[in-house]
Amino acid sequence: MGILRSKLLRHCRSTRMLPPRRPTDAAPSLPPVVWLLARPQVPSASVATTLCPLLLSSNQGTPDVNATLQAPWLKRLPAPLYKAAAQAWIDKEYPRHLFIETTAACNLTCTYCPRERLGQHMDFGLFQQVVDEATQYGSRSFSLHLFGEPLLYPRWMGAVSYIKSRRHVRHTVLLTTNGTRFNQEVDRVIESGIDLVLWSWRPEATFTPETKAKLRKWGKFRVRFIAEVTPKEVYAEWAEWPNVEGRQLHNYGGNIDLEDFGNGSSKMSVSSTERWPCYHLWLAPAVAWNGNILLCCADPHQKEVLGTFPRMTVAEAWQSERLKAIRSGHLTGDYRGICANCDVWKQYPSMHFEFQRERARRAASIE
């Protein structure tokens, strides 16, 4: 156990997850792995049950709220630790994270986006019902987008306020935006209570010096660069920004051809045994503007509809036999429907151990 603790400490320090000084046995602070690894009295047998909740908690001990915000550094953990932490976050009754498409409208036509050209908004009463159901299961995190620009939703501020005002929970709200409305909306965004804004870089979005200064002071604005479509000079422009991340383009269930962007093909070039189960099926489904409950956020044409809210609740869809069968298929390497040619699964490491997948394959062969 001492060797493992030392190796993890070295790894965390080398990847800047820990400061160079030795942590103390004080109350946990970000990242909470520091606190546990510094405690020699923690017995080996209790590591999994003790460590995983701490990995996903803040000083306030609210794992539901903070794990989504900590995802970038969680991905950098050693594989066994990441898998254990990710599985500790799974809730079989209701998803930890939920995409809600408040609007299908967008003011851009990005070449890599397969969205249908729709302009409908989610009924606000429907939105409230979705949030109310989620609240029954404790603190959750929400992304208020799928294929629309969330700041075009006429009641976007009311939507954020409704989520944040639920009693006895601490919901988290994330907003992914194209940034085109930020100069006029920056003050309201900062005042709204949003926990994190992710701006996927677009040339159409420009920020005044005043807007940049406000966002820097706010500290909750992350710049996301998609490697295949971001010019090199843009990285230099934002080099001093304190919160940035890079991602590769994915193919949205095989709906775009990545060869057009110099990155492989929309048809997967790996066999089913070389890929791994998609995290969305265990953590993060979506509710489209019309109430359709989808497997994930990468279904632009709503091909995999589990049910329609409120005739089917999100909890019922999450616990449904159909979704259980899809999960089993992923564990055994049987990828069907929109999953067959999708590469969204590559955005995060595998959250399952090989023995779990082997056990699922053996069970399927018996059936």
Protein backbone atom coordinates (compact mmCIF):
# COMPACT_ATOMS: atom_id res chain seq x y z
CA MET A 1 0.00 0.00 0.00
CA GLY A 2 2.90 2.36 0.82
CA ILE A 3 4.42 1.82 -2.63
CA LEU A 4 1.10 2.47 -4.34
CA ARG A 5 0.59 5.62 -2.30
CA SER A 6 4.07 6.88 -3.24
CA LYS A 7 3.56 6.13 -6.93
CA LEU A 8 0.22 7.95 -6.98
CA LEU A 9 1.72 10.95 -5.22
CA ARG A 10 4.56 11.10 -7.74
CA HIS A 11 2.11 10.80 -10.63
CA CYS A 12 -0.13 13.54 -9.27
CA ARG A 13 2.80 15.88 -8.69
CA SER A 14 4.33 15.21 -12.11
CA THR A 15 1.02 16.04 -13.80
CA ARG A 16 0.55 19.10 -11.56
CA MET A 17 -2.46 17.66 -9.81
CA LEU A 18 -0.54 18.14 -6.56
CA PRO A 19 1.73 20.94 -5.36
CA PRO A 20 5.39 19.97 -4.87
CA ARG A 21 5.17 20.18 -1.05
CA ARG A 22 3.99 17.20 0.98
CA PRO A 23 0.26 17.47 1.81
CA THR A 24 -0.88 17.43 5.42
CA ASP A 25 -3.52 15.32 7.09
CA ALA A 26 -6.00 18.17 7.13
CA ALA A 27 -9.52 18.50 5.76
CA PRO A 28 -9.58 17.55 2.06
CA SER A 29 -9.24 20.29 -0.54
CA LEU A 30 -8.99 20.10 -4.30
CA PRO A 31 -7.85 17.69 -5.48
CA PRO A 32 -9.18 15.54 -2.59
CA VAL A 33 -6.92 12.62 -3.50
CA VAL A 34 -4.16 14.57 -1.71
CA TRP A 35 -5.79 14.18 1.67
CA LEU A 36 -6.32 10.43 1.49
CA LEU A 37 -2.94 9.49 0.07
CA ALA A 38 -1.20 11.36 2.86
CA ARG A 39 -2.91 9.30 5.57
CA PRO A 40 -0.85 6.20 6.45
CA GLN A 41 -3.56 4.85 8.74
CA VAL A 42 -5.98 4.10 5.89
CA PRO A 43 -6.03 0.28 5.53
CA SER A 44 -5.53 -1.22 2.10
CA ALA A 45 -8.87 -3.02 2.11
CA SER A 46 -10.78 0.24 2.49
CA VAL A 47 -9.03 2.16 -0.27
CA ALA A 48 -11.72 1.67 -2.90
CA THR A 49 -14.63 2.56 -0.64
CA THR A 50 -12.81 5.49 0.98
CA LEU A 51 -10.97 6.97 -1.97
CA CYS A 52 -13.65 7.02 -4.63
CA PRO A 53 -16.14 9.27 -2.82
CA LEU A 54 -13.31 11.61 -1.84
CA LEU A 55 -12.13 11.85 -5.43
CA LEU A 56 -15.53 13.15 -6.40
CA SER A 57 -16.15 15.49 -3.49
CA SER A 58 -15.30 19.01 -2.48
CA ASN A 59 -14.66 20.55 0.90
CA GLN A 60 -18.42 20.45 1.37
CA GLY A 61 -18.53 16.71 0.66
CA THR A 62 -20.96 16.91 -2.26
CA PRO A 63 -19.81 14.40 -4.90
CA ASP A 64 -22.77 14.95 -7.21
CA VAL A 65 -21.94 18.62 -7.63
CA ASN A 66 -18.22 18.55 -8.23
CA ALA A 67 -17.31 15.44 -10.22
CA THR A 68 -18.41 16.98 -13.52
CA LEU A 69 -16.26 20.06 -12.91
CA GLN A 70 -13.30 17.87 -11.90
CA ALA A 71 -13.55 15.61 -14.97
CA PRO A 72 -10.47 17.07 -16.77
CA TRP A 73 -8.09 16.12 -13.96
CA LEU A 74 -9.90 12.87 -13.15
CA LYS A 75 -9.08 11.72 -16.69
CA ARG A 76 -5.39 12.07 -15.86
CA LEU A 77 -5.47 9.68 -12.93
CA PRO A 78 -3.82 6.25 -13.24
CA ALA A 79 -6.23 3.93 -15.06
CA PRO A 80 -7.25 1.72 -12.09
CA LEU A 81 -7.94 4.75 -9.93
CA TYR A 82 -9.91 6.47 -12.68
CA LYS A 83 -12.04 3.37 -13.29
CA ALA A 84 -12.79 2.97 -9.58
CA ALA A 85 -13.66 6.64 -9.18
CA ALA A 86 -15.88 6.71 -12.27
CA GLN A 87 -17.77 3.61 -11.19
CA ALA A 88 -18.23 5.02 -7.70
CA TRP A 89 -20.07 7.91 -9.32
CA ILE A 90 -22.61 5.71 -11.14
CA ASP A 91 -26.18 5.94 -9.84
CA LYS A 92 -28.42 3.12 -11.07
CA GLU A 93 -31.61 5.00 -10.20
CA TYR A 94 -30.98 8.29 -12.01
CA PRO A 95 -28.14 9.72 -14.11
CA ARG A 96 -25.54 11.88 -12.42
CA HIS A 97 -25.39 14.29 -15.36
CA LEU A 98 -28.17 15.29 -17.73
CA PHE A 99 -28.06 17.16 -21.02
CA ILE A 100 -31.18 19.28 -21.49
CA GLU A 101 -31.69 20.82 -24.93
CA THR A 102 -33.38 24.06 -23.94
CA THR A 103 -33.34 25.16 -27.58
CA ALA A 104 -32.65 23.61 -30.96
CA ALA A 105 -31.99 27.04 -32.50
CA CYS A 106 -28.49 28.09 -33.49
CA ASN A 107 -27.16 31.19 -35.25
CA LEU A 108 -24.17 29.41 -36.85
CA THR A 109 -23.75 26.71 -39.50
CA CYS A 110 -20.52 25.01 -38.47
CA THR A 111 -19.28 22.55 -41.08
CA TYR A 112 -18.54 19.89 -38.45
CA CYS A 113 -21.97 20.06 -36.81
CA PRO A 114 -24.60 17.58 -38.07
CA ARG A 115 -27.52 19.35 -36.41
CA GLU A 116 -30.86 19.63 -38.14
CA ARG A 117 -31.77 23.22 -38.97
CA LEU A 118 -34.47 23.63 -36.36
CA GLY A 119 -35.53 26.63 -34.33
CA GLN A 120 -37.79 25.19 -31.66
CA HIS A 121 -37.41 25.91 -27.96
CA MET A 122 -38.22 23.56 -25.09
CA ASP A 123 -41.46 24.42 -23.32
CA PHE A 124 -40.47 25.96 -19.99
CA GLY A 125 -43.03 23.87 -18.12
CA LEU A 126 -41.48 20.72 -19.59
CA PHE A 127 -38.05 21.97 -18.56
CA GLN A 128 -39.25 22.49 -15.00
CA GLN A 129 -40.70 18.98 -14.84
CA VAL A 130 -37.38 17.46 -15.94
CA VAL A 131 -35.49 19.41 -13.29
CA ASP A 132 -38.07 18.58 -10.62
CA GLU A 133 -37.72 14.87 -11.28
CA ALA A 134 -33.93 15.08 -11.14
CA THR A 135 -34.08 16.96 -7.84
CA GLN A 136 -35.88 14.04 -6.22
CA TYR A 137 -32.66 12.03 -6.59
CA GLY A 138 -30.32 14.57 -5.01
CA SER A 139 -27.73 16.96 -6.37
CA ARG A 140 -27.11 16.59 -10.10
CA SER A 141 -25.26 18.40 -12.86
CA PHE A 142 -26.87 19.74 -16.02
CA SER A 143 -25.61 20.84 -19.43
CA LEU A 144 -28.15 23.14 -21.04
CA HIS A 145 -27.41 22.28 -24.65
CA LEU A 146 -27.41 19.62 -27.31
CA PHE A 147 -27.38 21.06 -30.81
CA GLY A 148 -28.64 24.58 -30.19
CA GLU A 149 -27.04 27.72 -28.81
CA PRO A 150 -28.30 27.93 -25.21
CA LEU A 151 -28.10 31.72 -25.03
CA LEU A 152 -30.77 31.88 -27.77
CA TYR A 153 -33.28 30.30 -25.41
CA PRO A 154 -35.60 33.17 -24.45
CA ARG A 155 -35.71 31.99 -20.83
CA TRP A 156 -32.15 30.80 -20.41
CA MET A 157 -31.58 32.88 -17.28
CA GLY A 158 -34.84 31.67 -15.78
CA ALA A 159 -33.77 28.09 -16.55
CA VAL A 160 -30.48 28.52 -14.70
CA SER A 161 -32.24 30.22 -11.81
CA TYR A 162 -34.81 27.43 -11.58
CA ILE A 163 -32.10 24.77 -11.33
CA LYS A 164 -30.03 26.68 -8.79
CA SER A 165 -33.01 27.55 -6.58
CA ARG A 166 -34.05 23.96 -5.83
CA ARG A 167 -33.96 23.39 -2.08
CA HIS A 168 -31.92 20.80 -0.20
CA VAL A 169 -29.67 20.11 -3.22
CA ARG A 170 -26.68 21.75 -4.87
CA HIS A 171 -27.17 21.35 -8.58
CA THR A 172 -24.40 22.26 -11.02
CA VAL A 173 -25.07 24.07 -14.30
CA LEU A 174 -22.74 23.96 -17.30
CA LEU A 175 -23.22 25.96 -20.46
CA THR A 176 -21.46 25.21 -23.75
CA THR A 177 -21.73 28.16 -26.11
CA ASN A 178 -20.48 29.43 -29.46
CA GLY A 179 -19.78 32.76 -27.76
CA THR A 180 -21.46 35.02 -30.30
CA ARG A 181 -23.75 36.66 -27.74
CA PHE A 182 -21.28 37.08 -24.94
CA ASN A 183 -20.51 40.77 -25.29
CA GLN A 184 -24.16 41.61 -24.64
CA GLU A 185 -24.85 38.81 -22.15
CA VAL A 186 -21.65 38.67 -20.08
CA ASP A 187 -23.05 40.49 -17.04
CA ARG A 188 -26.16 38.33 -16.89
CA VAL A 189 -24.10 35.15 -17.32
CA ILE A 190 -21.88 36.09 -14.39
CA GLU A 191 -24.88 37.00 -12.24
CA SER A 192 -26.88 33.89 -13.18
CA GLY A 193 -25.13 31.39 -10.92
CA ILE A 194 -23.75 29.22 -13.73
CA ASP A 195 -20.92 27.02 -12.46
CA LEU A 196 -18.94 26.75 -15.69
CA VAL A 197 -19.14 28.10 -19.23
CA LEU A 198 -17.32 26.24 -21.99
CA TRP A 199 -16.70 28.23 -25.14
CA SER A 200 -15.88 26.11 -28.18
CA TRP A 201 -13.70 28.49 -30.17
CA ARG A 202 -15.36 29.96 -33.24
CA PRO A 203 -14.07 32.76 -35.50
CA GLU A 204 -17.53 34.36 -35.49
CA ALA A 205 -17.23 35.11 -31.77
CA THR A 206 -15.13 38.10 -30.77
CA PHE A 207 -14.74 39.48 -27.25
CA THR A 208 -14.17 43.08 -26.29
CA PRO A 209 -11.35 43.79 -23.83
CA GLU A 210 -14.02 44.63 -21.24
CA THR A 211 -15.74 41.26 -21.73
CA LYS A 212 -12.44 39.39 -21.45
CA ALA A 213 -11.54 41.23 -18.28
CA LYS A 214 -14.88 40.38 -16.67
CA LEU A 215 -14.61 36.72 -17.65
CA ARG A 216 -11.05 36.44 -16.36
CA LYS A 217 -12.04 37.93 -13.01
CA TRP A 218 -15.08 35.63 -12.85
CA GLY A 219 -12.89 32.56 -13.32
CA LYS A 220 -15.57 30.21 -14.66
CA PHE A 221 -15.02 30.63 -18.40
CA ARG A 222 -13.16 27.80 -20.10
CA VAL A 223 -11.86 28.09 -23.66
CA ARG A 224 -12.11 24.83 -25.59
CA PHE A 225 -10.02 24.29 -28.73
CA ILE A 226 -11.10 21.62 -31.20
CA ALA A 227 -7.80 20.60 -32.74
CA GLU A 228 -8.99 20.00 -36.30
CA VAL A 229 -10.64 23.39 -36.75
CA THR A 230 -8.57 25.77 -34.60
CA PRO A 231 -5.86 27.79 -36.42
CA LYS A 232 -2.42 27.83 -34.78
CA GLU A 233 -2.46 31.58 -34.25
CA VAL A 234 -5.55 31.27 -32.06
CA TYR A 235 -3.64 29.25 -29.48
CA ALA A 236 -1.16 32.10 -29.17
CA GLU A 237 -3.96 34.63 -28.75
CA TRP A 238 -5.34 32.73 -25.75
CA ALA A 239 -2.01 31.46 -24.39
CA GLU A 240 -2.32 33.45 -21.17
CA TRP A 241 -5.91 32.45 -20.45
CA PRO A 242 -6.04 30.54 -17.14
CA ASN A 243 -8.65 27.96 -18.12
CA VAL A 244 -8.28 26.16 -21.46
CA GLU A 245 -8.73 22.65 -22.77
CA GLY A 246 -8.16 20.84 -26.04
CA ARG A 247 -10.29 18.21 -27.70
CA GLN A 248 -10.37 16.28 -30.91
CA LEU A 249 -13.40 16.37 -33.14
CA HIS A 250 -15.72 13.39 -32.84
CA ASN A 251 -18.11 12.09 -35.47
CA TYR A 252 -21.48 12.36 -33.70
CA GLY A 253 -22.54 8.75 -34.10
CA GLY A 254 -20.91 8.48 -37.53
CA ASN A 255 -22.85 11.48 -38.87
CA ILE A 256 -19.83 13.46 -40.07
CA ASP A 257 -16.80 12.30 -42.02
CA LEU A 258 -13.66 13.15 -40.08
CA GLU A 259 -11.57 12.70 -43.23
CA ASP A 260 -12.92 16.09 -44.29
CA PHE A 261 -11.08 17.56 -41.33
CA GLY A 262 -7.86 15.59 -41.64
CA ASN A 263 -8.62 13.14 -38.85
CA GLY A 264 -9.47 9.61 -39.90
CA SER A 265 -12.91 8.61 -41.10
CA SER A 266 -16.46 8.69 -39.86
CA LYS A 267 -16.43 4.90 -40.07
CA MET A 268 -14.52 3.39 -37.19
CA SER A 269 -11.21 1.83 -38.13
CA VAL A 270 -10.94 -0.22 -34.94
CA SER A 271 -12.62 -3.50 -34.17
CA SER A 272 -15.19 -3.91 -31.41
CA THR A 273 -12.54 -5.57 -29.25
CA GLU A 274 -10.25 -2.52 -29.44
CA ARG A 275 -12.79 0.04 -28.35
CA TRP A 276 -14.39 0.37 -24.95
CA PRO A 277 -17.91 0.96 -23.61
CA CYS A 278 -19.14 4.53 -23.79
CA TYR A 279 -19.36 6.43 -20.51
CA HIS A 280 -22.62 8.13 -21.55
CA LEU A 281 -24.60 4.94 -20.99
CA TRP A 282 -23.67 4.91 -17.30
CA LEU A 283 -23.48 8.63 -16.56
CA ALA A 284 -25.04 11.13 -18.96
CA PRO A 285 -28.12 10.78 -21.22
CA ALA A 286 -30.01 13.67 -22.81
CA VAL A 287 -33.49 15.15 -23.05
CA ALA A 288 -34.13 16.84 -26.40
CA TRP A 289 -36.19 20.02 -26.84
CA ASN A 290 -39.32 17.94 -27.60
CA GLY A 291 -38.97 15.71 -24.53
CA ASN A 292 -37.38 12.74 -26.29
CA ILE A 293 -34.97 10.94 -23.96
CA LEU A 294 -31.78 10.05 -25.84
CA LEU A 295 -28.85 7.78 -25.06
CA CYS A 296 -26.40 10.67 -25.15
CA CYS A 297 -25.57 14.10 -26.56
CA ALA A 298 -24.31 12.73 -29.91
CA ASP A 299 -27.64 11.85 -31.55
CA PRO A 300 -28.49 14.85 -33.79
CA HIS A 301 -31.33 13.08 -35.61
CA GLN A 302 -32.85 11.44 -32.52
CA LYS A 303 -32.42 7.89 -33.78
CA GLU A 304 -32.12 6.25 -30.35
CA VAL A 305 -35.14 7.45 -28.38
CA LEU A 306 -35.66 5.62 -25.09
CA GLY A 307 -38.99 7.32 -24.46
CA THR A 308 -40.64 10.73 -24.36
CA PHE A 309 -40.88 12.80 -21.21
CA PRO A 310 -43.19 13.00 -19.28
CA ARG A 311 -44.96 9.86 -20.60
CA MET A 312 -41.73 8.12 -19.64
CA THR A 313 -39.65 9.68 -16.89
CA VAL A 314 -35.88 9.95 -17.11
CA ALA A 315 -35.63 7.52 -14.17
CA GLU A 316 -37.78 4.97 -16.02
CA ALA A 317 -35.62 5.32 -19.13
CA TRP A 318 -32.44 5.04 -17.05
CA GLN A 319 -33.64 1.82 -15.43
CA SER A 320 -35.27 0.39 -18.57
CA GLU A 321 -34.56 -3.07 -19.94
CA ARG A 322 -33.69 -1.51 -23.29
CA LEU A 323 -30.90 0.61 -21.85
CA LYS A 324 -29.66 -2.32 -19.77
CA ALA A 325 -29.42 -4.37 -22.99
CA ILE A 326 -27.46 -1.60 -24.74
CA ARG A 327 -25.06 -1.38 -21.80
CA SER A 328 -24.58 -5.15 -21.89
CA GLY A 329 -23.87 -4.92 -25.61
CA HIS A 330 -21.13 -2.37 -25.00
CA LEU A 331 -19.55 -4.55 -22.32
CA THR A 332 -19.49 -7.55 -24.66
CA GLY A 333 -18.32 -5.59 -27.72
CA ASP A 334 -21.69 -5.62 -29.52
CA TYR A 335 -22.16 -2.02 -30.66
CA ARG A 336 -25.38 -1.32 -32.54
CA GLY A 337 -27.50 1.58 -33.78
CA ILE A 338 -25.84 4.97 -33.55
CA CYS A 339 -23.15 3.39 -31.37
CA ALA A 340 -21.87 1.19 -34.21
CA ASN A 341 -19.88 3.91 -35.99
CA CYS A 342 -19.59 6.44 -33.18
CA ASP A 343 -16.28 7.57 -31.67
CA VAL A 344 -17.51 9.74 -28.81
CA TRP A 345 -16.39 7.00 -26.42
CA LYS A 346 -12.77 8.11 -27.03
CA GLN A 347 -13.35 11.41 -25.23
CA TYR A 348 -12.84 9.67 -21.87
CA PRO A 349 -10.78 6.63 -20.85
CA SER A 350 -12.48 3.30 -20.32
CA MET A 351 -14.31 3.23 -17.00
CA HIS A 352 -14.58 -0.57 -16.86
CA PHE A 353 -12.01 -3.13 -15.81
CA GLU A 354 -11.22 -5.94 -18.20
CA PHE A 355 -12.50 -8.56 -15.73
CA GLN A 356 -15.91 -6.84 -15.82
CA ARG A 357 -16.05 -7.00 -19.59
CA GLU A 358 -14.90 -10.61 -19.58
CA ARG A 359 -17.59 -11.50 -17.05
CA ALA A 360 -20.21 -9.86 -19.28
CA ARG A 361 -18.94 -11.79 -22.33
CA ARG A 362 -19.14 -15.08 -20.44
CA ALA A 363 -22.69 -14.31 -19.28
CA ALA A 364 -23.73 -13.46 -22.85
CA SER A 365 -22.26 -16.68 -24.22
CA ILE A 366 -24.26 -18.73 -21.69
CA GLU A 367 -27.48 -16.99 -22.69
